[in-house]
Amino acid sequence: MSIKDPSKKMSKSLGDEHCIYLDDTLESLTAKIMQAPTTPEGLVNLKAISRLYGFGYEETNNKESKTLLVQAICNDTY
Protein backbone atom coordinates (compact mmCIF):
# COMPACT_ATOMS: atom_id res chain seq x y z
CA MET A 1 0.00 0.00 0.00
CA SER A 2 1.05 3.62 -0.42
CA ILE A 3 3.59 4.77 2.16
CA LYS A 4 1.94 8.22 2.23
CA ASP A 5 -1.74 7.19 2.04
CA PRO A 6 -2.19 3.55 3.13
CA SER A 7 -5.78 3.50 1.89
CA LYS A 8 -4.41 3.48 -1.69
CA LYS A 9 -2.23 1.04 -3.57
CA MET A 10 1.44 1.93 -3.91
CA SER A 11 1.59 3.42 -7.38
CA LYS A 12 4.03 5.71 -9.09
CA SER A 13 1.06 7.38 -10.81
CA LEU A 14 0.17 8.88 -7.40
CA GLY A 15 3.63 10.46 -7.20
CA ASP A 16 7.04 9.52 -5.91
CA GLU A 17 6.12 10.22 -2.30
CA HIS A 18 3.70 7.26 -2.37
CA CYS A 19 6.31 4.66 -3.35
CA ILE A 20 9.54 3.26 -2.00
CA TYR A 21 11.98 2.74 -4.84
CA LEU A 22 15.05 0.54 -4.79
CA ASP A 23 17.14 3.49 -5.95
CA ASP A 24 15.79 6.00 -3.41
CA THR A 25 18.54 7.94 -1.70
CA LEU A 26 18.97 7.48 2.03
CA GLU A 27 17.54 10.96 2.56
CA SER A 28 14.49 10.25 0.41
CA LEU A 29 13.85 6.87 2.01
CA THR A 30 14.22 8.31 5.50
CA ALA A 31 11.82 11.16 4.73
CA LYS A 32 9.21 8.79 3.30
CA ILE A 33 9.33 6.37 6.22
CA MET A 34 9.48 9.03 8.93
CA GLN A 35 6.49 10.87 7.40
CA ALA A 36 4.43 7.71 7.00
CA PRO A 37 1.15 8.01 8.91
CA THR A 38 0.63 6.04 12.11
CA THR A 39 -3.11 5.76 11.72
CA PRO A 40 -4.50 2.23 12.10
CA GLU A 41 -4.14 1.68 8.32
CA GLY A 42 -0.66 3.20 8.36
CA LEU A 43 0.46 0.94 11.19
CA VAL A 44 -0.76 -2.14 9.31
CA ASN A 45 1.30 -0.97 6.34
CA LEU A 46 4.44 -0.25 8.40
CA LYS A 47 4.13 -3.59 10.22
CA ALA A 48 3.80 -5.44 6.91
CA ILE A 49 6.91 -3.76 5.51
CA SER A 50 8.80 -4.45 8.74
CA ARG A 51 7.92 -8.15 8.61
CA LEU A 52 9.56 -8.31 5.18
CA TYR A 53 12.79 -7.26 6.86
CA GLY A 54 12.51 -9.68 9.77
CA PHE A 55 11.46 -7.57 12.70
CA GLY A 56 8.30 -6.48 14.44
CA TYR A 57 7.20 -2.86 14.29
CA GLU A 58 6.47 -1.56 17.80
CA GLU A 59 3.76 1.07 17.61
CA THR A 60 4.48 2.15 21.19
CA ASN A 61 7.67 3.76 19.90
CA ASN A 62 6.98 4.85 16.33
CA LYS A 63 10.10 6.97 15.88
CA GLU A 64 12.46 4.19 16.92
CA SER A 65 10.57 1.60 14.86
CA LYS A 66 10.66 3.83 11.80
CA THR A 67 14.39 4.39 12.27
CA LEU A 68 14.94 0.63 12.51
CA LEU A 69 12.87 0.13 9.37
CA VAL A 70 14.99 2.63 7.42
CA GLN A 71 18.15 0.86 8.62
CA ALA A 72 16.76 -2.55 7.65
CA ILE A 73 15.82 -1.38 4.16
CA CYS A 74 19.21 0.27 3.71
CA ASN A 75 21.09 -2.82 4.90
CA ASP A 76 19.16 -4.94 2.43
CA THR A 77 19.31 -2.52 -0.51
CA TYR A 78 22.66 -0.72 -0.39
C-alpha atoms as a PDB file:
ATOM      1  CA  MET A   1       0.000   0.000   0.000  1.00  0.00           C
ATOM      2  CA  SER A   2       1.045   3.618  -0.424  1.00  0.00           C
ATOM      3  CA  ILE A   3       3.589   4.773   2.157  1.00  0.00           C
ATOM      4  CA  LYS A   4       1.936   8.223   2.230  1.00  0.00           C
ATOM      5  CA  ASP A   5      -1.737   7.190   2.041  1.00  0.00           C
ATOM      6  CA  PRO A   6      -2.190   3.548   3.133  1.00  0.00           C
ATOM      7  CA  SER A   7      -5.780   3.500   1.893  1.00  0.00           C
ATOM      8  CA  LYS A   8      -4.410   3.480  -1.688  1.00  0.00           C
ATOM      9  CA  LYS A   9      -2.225   1.035  -3.569  1.00  0.00           C
ATOM     10  CA  MET A  10       1.437   1.931  -3.906  1.00  0.00           C
ATOM     11  CA  SER A  11       1.593   3.423  -7.377  1.00  0.00           C
ATOM     12  CA  LYS A  12       4.033   5.711  -9.092  1.00  0.00           C
ATOM     13  CA  SER A  13       1.062   7.380 -10.813  1.00  0.00           C
ATOM     14  CA  LEU A  14       0.174   8.879  -7.402  1.00  0.00           C
ATOM     15  CA  GLY A  15       3.626  10.460  -7.201  1.00  0.00           C
ATOM     16  CA  ASP A  16       7.044   9.522  -5.913  1.00  0.00           C
ATOM     17  CA  GLU A  17       6.115  10.225  -2.297  1.00  0.00           C
ATOM     18  CA  HIS A  18       3.702   7.256  -2.368  1.00  0.00           C
ATOM     19  CA  CYS A  19       6.311   4.656  -3.346  1.00  0.00           C
ATOM     20  CA  ILE A  20       9.544   3.265  -1.995  1.00  0.00           C
ATOM     21  CA  TYR A  21      11.983   2.745  -4.839  1.00  0.00           C
ATOM     22  CA  LEU A  22      15.055   0.536  -4.793  1.00  0.00           C
ATOM     23  CA  ASP A  23      17.137   3.487  -5.952  1.00  0.00           C
ATOM     24  CA  ASP A  24      15.787   5.999  -3.410  1.00  0.00           C
ATOM     25  CA  THR A  25      18.542   7.942  -1.704  1.00  0.00           C
ATOM     26  CA  LEU A  26      18.967   7.484   2.029  1.00  0.00           C
ATOM     27  CA  GLU A  27      17.537  10.963   2.562  1.00  0.00           C
ATOM     28  CA  SER A  28      14.487  10.254   0.413  1.00  0.00           C
ATOM     29  CA  LEU A  29      13.853   6.870   2.008  1.00  0.00           C
ATOM     30  CA  THR A  30      14.220   8.311   5.502  1.00  0.00           C
ATOM     31  CA  ALA A  31      11.816  11.156   4.732  1.00  0.00           C
ATOM     32  CA  LYS A  32       9.210   8.793   3.295  1.00  0.00           C
ATOM     33  CA  ILE A  33       9.334   6.371   6.223  1.00  0.00           C
ATOM     34  CA  MET A  34       9.480   9.035   8.926  1.00  0.00           C
ATOM     35  CA  GLN A  35       6.492  10.874   7.397  1.00  0.00           C
ATOM     36  CA  ALA A  36       4.430   7.710   6.998  1.00  0.00           C
ATOM     37  CA  PRO A  37       1.151   8.005   8.906  1.00  0.00           C
ATOM     38  CA  THR A  38       0.635   6.039  12.109  1.00  0.00           C
ATOM     39  CA  THR A  39      -3.109   5.760  11.718  1.00  0.00           C
ATOM     40  CA  PRO A  40      -4.504   2.227  12.103  1.00  0.00           C
ATOM     41  CA  GLU A  41      -4.140   1.682   8.323  1.00  0.00           C
ATOM     42  CA  GLY A  42      -0.663   3.201   8.362  1.00  0.00           C
ATOM     43  CA  LEU A  43       0.459   0.938  11.188  1.00  0.00           C
ATOM     44  CA  VAL A  44      -0.764  -2.138   9.307  1.00  0.00           C
ATOM     45  CA  ASN A  45       1.301  -0.969   6.344  1.00  0.00           C
ATOM     46  CA  LEU A  46       4.436  -0.251   8.402  1.00  0.00           C
ATOM     47  CA  LYS A  47       4.127  -3.585  10.217  1.00  0.00           C
ATOM     48  CA  ALA A  48       3.798  -5.441   6.911  1.00  0.00           C
ATOM     49  CA  ILE A  49       6.907  -3.759   5.508  1.00  0.00           C
ATOM     50  CA  SER A  50       8.805  -4.446   8.745  1.00  0.00           C
ATOM     51  CA  ARG A  51       7.922  -8.148   8.606  1.00  0.00           C
ATOM     52  CA  LEU A  52       9.559  -8.313   5.178  1.00  0.00           C
ATOM     53  CA  TYR A  53      12.787  -7.257   6.864  1.00  0.00           C
ATOM     54  CA  GLY A  54      12.513  -9.680   9.772  1.00  0.00           C
ATOM     55  CA  PHE A  55      11.457  -7.568  12.705  1.00  0.00           C
ATOM     56  CA  GLY A  56       8.300  -6.477  14.443  1.00  0.00           C
ATOM     57  CA  TYR A  57       7.200  -2.862  14.289  1.00  0.00           C
ATOM     58  CA  GLU A  58       6.467  -1.555  17.800  1.00  0.00           C
ATOM     59  CA  GLU A  59       3.764   1.069  17.608  1.00  0.00           C
ATOM     60  CA  THR A  60       4.480   2.151  21.192  1.00  0.00           C
ATOM     61  CA  ASN A  61       7.671   3.762  19.897  1.00  0.00           C
ATOM     62  CA  ASN A  62       6.982   4.846  16.329  1.00  0.00           C
ATOM     63  CA  LYS A  63      10.097   6.972  15.875  1.00  0.00           C
ATOM     64  CA  GLU A  64      12.461   4.186  16.919  1.00  0.00           C
ATOM     65  CA  SER A  65      10.567   1.601  14.864  1.00  0.00           C
ATOM     66  CA  LYS A  66      10.658   3.830  11.798  1.00  0.00           C
ATOM     67  CA  THR A  67      14.392   4.390  12.273  1.00  0.00           C
ATOM     68  CA  LEU A  68      14.940   0.627  12.509  1.00  0.00           C
ATOM     69  CA  LEU A  69      12.867   0.134   9.372  1.00  0.00           C
ATOM     70  CA  VAL A  70      14.987   2.634   7.423  1.00  0.00           C
ATOM     71  CA  GLN A  71      18.149   0.861   8.622  1.00  0.00           C
ATOM     72  CA  ALA A  72      16.763  -2.551   7.649  1.00  0.00           C
ATOM     73  CA  ILE A  73      15.824  -1.380   4.158  1.00  0.00           C
ATOM     74  CA  CYS A  74      19.215   0.266   3.706  1.00  0.00           C
ATOM     75  CA  ASN A  75      21.095  -2.822   4.901  1.00  0.00           C
ATOM     76  CA  ASP A  76      19.162  -4.941   2.430  1.00  0.00           C
ATOM     77  CA  THR A  77      19.312  -2.519  -0.511  1.00  0.00           C
ATOM     78  CA  TYR A  78      22.660  -0.724  -0.392  1.00  0.00           C
END
